[in-house]
Amino acid sequence: KGRFTISRDNAKNTLYLQMNSLKPED
């Protein structure tokens, strides 16, 4: 929470996961 963002583009039939401030435990 606060680091990752989920989004989707239904026209492109695609889901995304933007991951920021990544840590080794990710």
PDB file of all heavy atoms in Angstrom:
ATOM      1  N   LYS A   1       0.837  -1.204   0.000  1.00  0.00           N
ATOM      2  CA  LYS A   1       0.000   0.000   0.000  1.00  0.00           C
ATOM      3  C   LYS A   1       0.874   1.256   0.000  1.00  0.00           C
ATOM      4  O   LYS A   1       1.824   1.366   0.770  1.00  0.00           O
ATOM      5  CB  LYS A   1      -0.911  -0.020   1.224  1.00  0.00           C
ATOM      6  CG  LYS A   1      -2.179   0.767   1.093  1.00  0.00           C
ATOM      7  CD  LYS A   1      -3.079   0.535   2.294  1.00  0.00           C
ATOM      8  CE  LYS A   1      -3.587  -0.885   2.356  1.00  0.00           C
ATOM      9  NZ  LYS A   1      -4.521  -1.116   3.485  1.00  0.00           N
ATOM     10  N   GLY A   2       0.565   2.171  -0.913  1.00  0.00           N
ATOM     11  CA  GLY A   2       1.330   3.408  -1.018  1.00  0.00           C
ATOM     12  C   GLY A   2       2.526   3.320  -1.936  1.00  0.00           C
ATOM     13  O   GLY A   2       3.109   4.346  -2.296  1.00  0.00           O
ATOM     14  N   ARG A   3       2.913   2.121  -2.324  1.00  0.00           N
ATOM     15  CA  ARG A   3       4.067   1.943  -3.228  1.00  0.00           C
ATOM     16  C   ARG A   3       3.660   1.378  -4.583  1.00  0.00           C
ATOM     17  O   ARG A   3       4.278   1.696  -5.596  1.00  0.00           O
ATOM     18  CB  ARG A   3       5.096   1.002  -2.587  1.00  0.00           C
ATOM     19  CG  ARG A   3       5.667   1.496  -1.286  1.00  0.00           C
ATOM     20  CD  ARG A   3       6.816   0.609  -0.803  1.00  0.00           C
ATOM     21  NE  ARG A   3       6.375  -0.769  -0.560  1.00  0.00           N
ATOM     22  CZ  ARG A   3       6.907  -1.829  -1.155  1.00  0.00           C
ATOM     23  NH1 ARG A   3       7.878  -1.686  -2.034  1.00  0.00           N
ATOM     24  NH2 ARG A   3       6.476  -3.054  -0.867  1.00  0.00           N
ATOM     25  N   PHE A   4       2.658   0.529  -4.593  1.00  0.00           N
ATOM     26  CA  PHE A   4       2.199  -0.123  -5.827  1.00  0.00           C
ATOM     27  C   PHE A   4       0.862   0.461  -6.259  1.00  0.00           C
ATOM     28  O   PHE A   4       0.027   0.823  -5.421  1.00  0.00           O
ATOM     29  CB  PHE A   4       2.024  -1.622  -5.612  1.00  0.00           C
ATOM     30  CG  PHE A   4       3.300  -2.398  -5.422  1.00  0.00           C
ATOM     31  CD1 PHE A   4       4.518  -1.777  -5.199  1.00  0.00           C
ATOM     32  CD2 PHE A   4       3.270  -3.782  -5.460  1.00  0.00           C
ATOM     33  CE1 PHE A   4       5.681  -2.503  -5.028  1.00  0.00           C
ATOM     34  CE2 PHE A   4       4.418  -4.536  -5.285  1.00  0.00           C
ATOM     35  CZ  PHE A   4       5.621  -3.892  -5.066  1.00  0.00           C
ATOM     36  N   THR A   5       0.659   0.514  -7.579  1.00  0.00           N
ATOM     37  CA  THR A   5      -0.602   1.012  -8.131  1.00  0.00           C
ATOM     38  C   THR A   5      -1.085   0.078  -9.224  1.00  0.00           C
ATOM     39  O   THR A   5      -0.332  -0.241 -10.146  1.00  0.00           O
ATOM     40  CB  THR A   5      -0.433   2.419  -8.708  1.00  0.00           C
ATOM     41  OG1 THR A   5       0.041   3.301  -7.700  1.00  0.00           O
ATOM     42  CG2 THR A   5      -1.771   2.938  -9.231  1.00  0.00           C
ATOM     43  N   ILE A   6      -2.326  -0.343  -9.105  1.00  0.00           N
ATOM     44  CA  ILE A   6      -2.941  -1.185 -10.126  1.00  0.00           C
ATOM     45  C   ILE A   6      -3.794  -0.311 -11.030  1.00  0.00           C
ATOM     46  O   ILE A   6      -4.523   0.577 -10.557  1.00  0.00           O
ATOM     47  CB  ILE A   6      -3.824  -2.264  -9.477  1.00  0.00           C
ATOM     48  CG1 ILE A   6      -2.973  -3.250  -8.694  1.00  0.00           C
ATOM     49  CG2 ILE A   6      -4.642  -3.006 -10.519  1.00  0.00           C
ATOM     50  CD1 ILE A   6      -3.777  -4.306  -7.987  1.00  0.00           C
ATOM     51  N   SER A   7      -3.724  -0.590 -12.321  1.00  0.00           N
ATOM     52  CA  SER A   7      -4.580   0.105 -13.276  1.00  0.00           C
ATOM     53  C   SER A   7      -4.935  -0.870 -14.400  1.00  0.00           C
ATOM     54  O   SER A   7      -4.349  -1.944 -14.497  1.00  0.00           O
ATOM     55  CB  SER A   7      -3.900   1.353 -13.837  1.00  0.00           C
ATOM     56  OG  SER A   7      -2.712   1.005 -14.522  1.00  0.00           O
ATOM     57  N   ARG A   8      -5.893  -0.471 -15.204  1.00  0.00           N
ATOM     58  CA  ARG A   8      -6.306  -1.341 -16.304  1.00  0.00           C
ATOM     59  C   ARG A   8      -6.717  -0.497 -17.501  1.00  0.00           C
ATOM     60  O   ARG A   8      -7.152   0.642 -17.360  1.00  0.00           O
ATOM     61  CB  ARG A   8      -7.454  -2.235 -15.883  1.00  0.00           C
ATOM     62  CG  ARG A   8      -8.723  -1.503 -15.490  1.00  0.00           C
ATOM     63  CD  ARG A   8      -9.721  -2.433 -14.828  1.00  0.00           C
ATOM     64  NE  ARG A   8     -10.207  -3.461 -15.754  1.00  0.00           N
ATOM     65  CZ  ARG A   8     -10.833  -4.570 -15.373  1.00  0.00           C
ATOM     66  NH1 ARG A   8     -11.037  -4.806 -14.093  1.00  0.00           N
ATOM     67  NH2 ARG A   8     -11.265  -5.438 -16.273  1.00  0.00           N
ATOM     68  N   ASP A   9      -6.576  -1.093 -18.673  1.00  0.00           N
ATOM     69  CA  ASP A   9      -7.032  -0.476 -19.912  1.00  0.00           C
ATOM     70  C   ASP A   9      -7.904  -1.512 -20.604  1.00  0.00           C
ATOM     71  O   ASP A   9      -7.390  -2.425 -21.266  1.00  0.00           O
ATOM     72  CB  ASP A   9      -5.841  -0.081 -20.783  1.00  0.00           C
ATOM     73  CG  ASP A   9      -6.262   0.717 -22.008  1.00  0.00           C
ATOM     74  OD1 ASP A   9      -7.407   0.551 -22.473  1.00  0.00           O
ATOM     75  OD2 ASP A   9      -5.438   1.493 -22.509  1.00  0.00           O
ATOM     76  N   ASN A  10      -9.195  -1.393 -20.439  1.00  0.00           N
ATOM     77  CA  ASN A  10     -10.103  -2.397 -21.000  1.00  0.00           C
ATOM     78  C   ASN A  10     -10.080  -2.403 -22.523  1.00  0.00           C
ATOM     79  O   ASN A  10     -10.282  -3.455 -23.141  1.00  0.00           O
ATOM     80  CB  ASN A  10     -11.522  -2.156 -20.495  1.00  0.00           C
ATOM     81  CG  ASN A  10     -11.683  -2.538 -19.024  1.00  0.00           C
ATOM     82  OD1 ASN A  10     -10.867  -3.278 -18.469  1.00  0.00           O
ATOM     83  ND2 ASN A  10     -12.729  -2.023 -18.394  1.00  0.00           N
ATOM     84  N   ALA A  11      -9.821  -1.253 -23.118  1.00  0.00           N
ATOM     85  CA  ALA A  11      -9.759  -1.198 -24.584  1.00  0.00           C
ATOM     86  C   ALA A  11      -8.583  -2.013 -25.112  1.00  0.00           C
ATOM     87  O   ALA A  11      -8.650  -2.572 -26.209  1.00  0.00           O
ATOM     88  CB  ALA A  11      -9.651   0.248 -25.046  1.00  0.00           C
ATOM     89  N   LYS A  12      -7.509  -2.077 -24.320  1.00  0.00           N
ATOM     90  CA  LYS A  12      -6.328  -2.850 -24.717  1.00  0.00           C
ATOM     91  C   LYS A  12      -6.320  -4.233 -24.073  1.00  0.00           C
ATOM     92  O   LYS A  12      -5.360  -4.985 -24.265  1.00  0.00           O
ATOM     93  CB  LYS A  12      -5.058  -2.096 -24.334  1.00  0.00           C
ATOM     94  CG  LYS A  12      -4.866  -0.788 -25.082  1.00  0.00           C
ATOM     95  CD  LYS A  12      -3.552  -0.130 -24.693  1.00  0.00           C
ATOM     96  CE  LYS A  12      -3.345   1.152 -25.477  1.00  0.00           C
ATOM     97  NZ  LYS A  12      -2.070   1.833 -25.106  1.00  0.00           N
ATOM     98  N   ASN A  13      -7.350  -4.534 -23.298  1.00  0.00           N
ATOM     99  CA  ASN A  13      -7.414  -5.830 -22.606  1.00  0.00           C
ATOM    100  C   ASN A  13      -6.163  -6.092 -21.780  1.00  0.00           C
ATOM    101  O   ASN A  13      -5.601  -7.209 -21.797  1.00  0.00           O
ATOM    102  CB  ASN A  13      -7.627  -6.966 -23.611  1.00  0.00           C
ATOM    103  CG  ASN A  13      -9.052  -7.494 -23.588  1.00  0.00           C
ATOM    104  OD1 ASN A  13      -9.974  -6.788 -23.204  1.00  0.00           O
ATOM    105  ND2 ASN A  13      -9.223  -8.736 -23.989  1.00  0.00           N
ATOM    106  N   THR A  14      -5.725  -5.077 -21.053  1.00  0.00           N
ATOM    107  CA  THR A  14      -4.469  -5.177 -20.319  1.00  0.00           C
ATOM    108  C   THR A  14      -4.610  -4.640 -18.906  1.00  0.00           C
ATOM    109  O   THR A  14      -5.267  -3.617 -18.680  1.00  0.00           O
ATOM    110  CB  THR A  14      -3.348  -4.423 -21.049  1.00  0.00           C
ATOM    111  OG1 THR A  14      -3.230  -4.935 -22.382  1.00  0.00           O
ATOM    112  CG2 THR A  14      -2.016  -4.610 -20.338  1.00  0.00           C
ATOM    113  N   LEU A  15      -3.959  -5.349 -17.984  1.00  0.00           N
ATOM    114  CA  LEU A  15      -3.867  -4.953 -16.580  1.00  0.00           C
ATOM    115  C   LEU A  15      -2.428  -4.556 -16.301  1.00  0.00           C
ATOM    116  O   LEU A  15      -1.494  -5.138 -16.880  1.00  0.00           O
ATOM    117  CB  LEU A  15      -4.257  -6.146 -15.697  1.00  0.00           C
ATOM    118  CG  LEU A  15      -4.018  -6.021 -14.200  1.00  0.00           C
ATOM    119  CD1 LEU A  15      -5.018  -5.025 -13.591  1.00  0.00           C
ATOM    120  CD2 LEU A  15      -4.141  -7.380 -13.530  1.00  0.00           C
ATOM    121  N   TYR A  16      -2.240  -3.576 -15.419  1.00  0.00           N
ATOM    122  CA  TYR A  16      -0.902  -3.113 -15.086  1.00  0.00           C
ATOM    123  C   TYR A  16      -0.679  -3.134 -13.578  1.00  0.00           C
ATOM    124  O   TYR A  16      -1.617  -3.024 -12.792  1.00  0.00           O
ATOM    125  CB  TYR A  16      -0.691  -1.681 -15.590  1.00  0.00           C
ATOM    126  CG  TYR A  16      -0.911  -1.515 -17.065  1.00  0.00           C
ATOM    127  CD1 TYR A  16      -2.102  -0.997 -17.558  1.00  0.00           C
ATOM    128  CD2 TYR A  16       0.069  -1.882 -17.985  1.00  0.00           C
ATOM    129  CE1 TYR A  16      -2.321  -0.851 -18.913  1.00  0.00           C
ATOM    130  CE2 TYR A  16      -0.135  -1.735 -19.347  1.00  0.00           C
ATOM    131  CZ  TYR A  16      -1.334  -1.225 -19.806  1.00  0.00           C
ATOM    132  OH  TYR A  16      -1.538  -1.082 -21.153  1.00  0.00           O
ATOM    133  N   LEU A  17       0.595  -3.243 -13.218  1.00  0.00           N
ATOM    134  CA  LEU A  17       1.003  -3.078 -11.825  1.00  0.00           C
ATOM    135  C   LEU A  17       2.257  -2.212 -11.821  1.00  0.00           C
ATOM    136  O   LEU A  17       3.333  -2.665 -12.235  1.00  0.00           O
ATOM    137  CB  LEU A  17       1.291  -4.424 -11.157  1.00  0.00           C
ATOM    138  CG  LEU A  17       1.740  -4.336  -9.703  1.00  0.00           C
ATOM    139  CD1 LEU A  17       0.602  -3.792  -8.828  1.00  0.00           C
ATOM    140  CD2 LEU A  17       2.171  -5.710  -9.173  1.00  0.00           C
ATOM    141  N   GLN A  18       2.096  -0.977 -11.396  1.00  0.00           N
ATOM    142  CA  GLN A  18       3.236  -0.060 -11.254  1.00  0.00           C
ATOM    143  C   GLN A  18       3.814  -0.235  -9.864  1.00  0.00           C
ATOM    144  O   GLN A  18       3.100  -0.041  -8.875  1.00  0.00           O
ATOM    145  CB  GLN A  18       2.788   1.383 -11.474  1.00  0.00           C
ATOM    146  CG  GLN A  18       3.893   2.403 -11.301  1.00  0.00           C
ATOM    147  CD  GLN A  18       4.974   2.285 -12.367  1.00  0.00           C
ATOM    148  OE1 GLN A  18       4.672   2.120 -13.542  1.00  0.00           O
ATOM    149  NE2 GLN A  18       6.235   2.364 -11.954  1.00  0.00           N
ATOM    150  N   MET A  19       5.085  -0.591  -9.808  1.00  0.00           N
ATOM    151  CA  MET A  19       5.741  -0.859  -8.526  1.00  0.00           C
ATOM    152  C   MET A  19       6.856   0.165  -8.316  1.00  0.00           C
ATOM    153  O   MET A  19       7.802   0.216  -9.107  1.00  0.00           O
ATOM    154  CB  MET A  19       6.308  -2.275  -8.514  1.00  0.00           C
ATOM    155  CG  MET A  19       5.255  -3.338  -8.816  1.00  0.00           C
ATOM    156  SD  MET A  19       5.894  -5.024  -8.677  1.00  0.00           S
ATOM    157  CE  MET A  19       7.039  -5.033 -10.056  1.00  0.00           C
ATOM    158  N   ASN A  20       6.726   0.966  -7.282  1.00  0.00           N
ATOM    159  CA  ASN A  20       7.723   1.984  -6.946  1.00  0.00           C
ATOM    160  C   ASN A  20       8.351   1.685  -5.590  1.00  0.00           C
ATOM    161  O   ASN A  20       7.814   0.899  -4.806  1.00  0.00           O
ATOM    162  CB  ASN A  20       7.069   3.365  -6.910  1.00  0.00           C
ATOM    163  CG  ASN A  20       6.487   3.772  -8.250  1.00  0.00           C
ATOM    164  OD1 ASN A  20       7.000   3.389  -9.303  1.00  0.00           O
ATOM    165  ND2 ASN A  20       5.424   4.554  -8.223  1.00  0.00           N
ATOM    166  N   SER A  21       9.476   2.317  -5.339  1.00  0.00           N
ATOM    167  CA  SER A  21      10.185   2.143  -4.059  1.00  0.00           C
ATOM    168  C   SER A  21      10.347   0.672  -3.725  1.00  0.00           C
ATOM    169  O   SER A  21      10.053   0.233  -2.603  1.00  0.00           O
ATOM    170  CB  SER A  21       9.417   2.856  -2.940  1.00  0.00           C
ATOM    171  OG  SER A  21       9.254   4.225  -3.230  1.00  0.00           O
ATOM    172  N   LEU A  22      10.830  -0.075  -4.675  1.00  0.00           N
ATOM    173  CA  LEU A  22      10.936  -1.518  -4.498  1.00  0.00           C
ATOM    174  C   LEU A  22      11.949  -1.888  -3.433  1.00  0.00           C
ATOM    175  O   LEU A  22      12.990  -1.224  -3.266  1.00  0.00           O
ATOM    176  CB  LEU A  22      11.284  -2.183  -5.822  1.00  0.00           C
ATOM    177  CG  LEU A  22      10.097  -2.309  -6.788  1.00  0.00           C
ATOM    178  CD1 LEU A  22      10.568  -2.536  -8.212  1.00  0.00           C
ATOM    179  CD2 LEU A  22       9.182  -3.436  -6.337  1.00  0.00           C
ATOM    180  N   LYS A  23      11.639  -2.967  -2.720  1.00  0.00           N
ATOM    181  CA  LYS A  23      12.483  -3.464  -1.638  1.00  0.00           C
ATOM    182  C   LYS A  23      12.882  -4.907  -1.963  1.00  0.00           C
ATOM    183  O   LYS A  23      12.163  -5.603  -2.706  1.00  0.00           O
ATOM    184  CB  LYS A  23      11.691  -3.454  -0.326  1.00  0.00           C
ATOM    185  CG  LYS A  23      11.081  -2.122   0.040  1.00  0.00           C
ATOM    186  CD  LYS A  23      10.204  -2.256   1.271  1.00  0.00           C
ATOM    187  CE  LYS A  23       9.536  -0.937   1.616  1.00  0.00           C
ATOM    188  NZ  LYS A  23       8.667  -1.068   2.819  1.00  0.00           N
ATOM    189  N   PRO A  24      13.981  -5.382  -1.391  1.00  0.00           N
ATOM    190  CA  PRO A  24      14.364  -6.781  -1.618  1.00  0.00           C
ATOM    191  C   PRO A  24      13.246  -7.761  -1.266  1.00  0.00           C
ATOM    192  O   PRO A  24      13.103  -8.806  -1.921  1.00  0.00           O
ATOM    193  CB  PRO A  24      15.574  -6.956  -0.711  1.00  0.00           C
ATOM    194  CG  PRO A  24      16.169  -5.593  -0.634  1.00  0.00           C
ATOM    195  CD  PRO A  24      15.006  -4.652  -0.632  1.00  0.00           C
ATOM    196  N   GLU A  25      12.436  -7.436  -0.276  1.00  0.00           N
ATOM    197  CA  GLU A  25      11.350  -8.342   0.112  1.00  0.00           C
ATOM    198  C   GLU A  25      10.203  -8.377  -0.894  1.00  0.00           C
ATOM    199  O   GLU A  25       9.263  -9.162  -0.745  1.00  0.00           O
ATOM    200  CB  GLU A  25      10.810  -7.987   1.508  1.00  0.00           C
ATOM    201  CG  GLU A  25      10.467  -6.538   1.706  1.00  0.00           C
ATOM    202  CD  GLU A  25      11.592  -5.755   2.371  1.00  0.00           C
ATOM    203  OE1 GLU A  25      12.775  -5.936   1.972  1.00  0.00           O
ATOM    204  OE2 GLU A  25      11.285  -4.939   3.275  1.00  0.00           O
ATOM    205  N   ASP A  26      10.256  -7.528  -1.909  1.00  0.00           N
ATOM    206  CA  ASP A  26       9.280  -7.597  -2.995  1.00  0.00           C
ATOM    207  C   ASP A  26       9.661  -8.659  -4.028  1.00  0.00           C
ATOM    208  O   ASP A  26       8.890  -8.921  -4.957  1.00  0.00           O
ATOM    209  CB  ASP A  26       9.152  -6.240  -3.698  1.00  0.00           C
ATOM    210  CG  ASP A  26       8.561  -5.171  -2.798  1.00  0.00           C
ATOM    211  OD1 ASP A  26       7.603  -5.470  -2.063  1.00  0.00           O
ATOM    212  OD2 ASP A  26       9.069  -4.032  -2.850  1.00  0.00           O
TER     213      ASP A  26
END
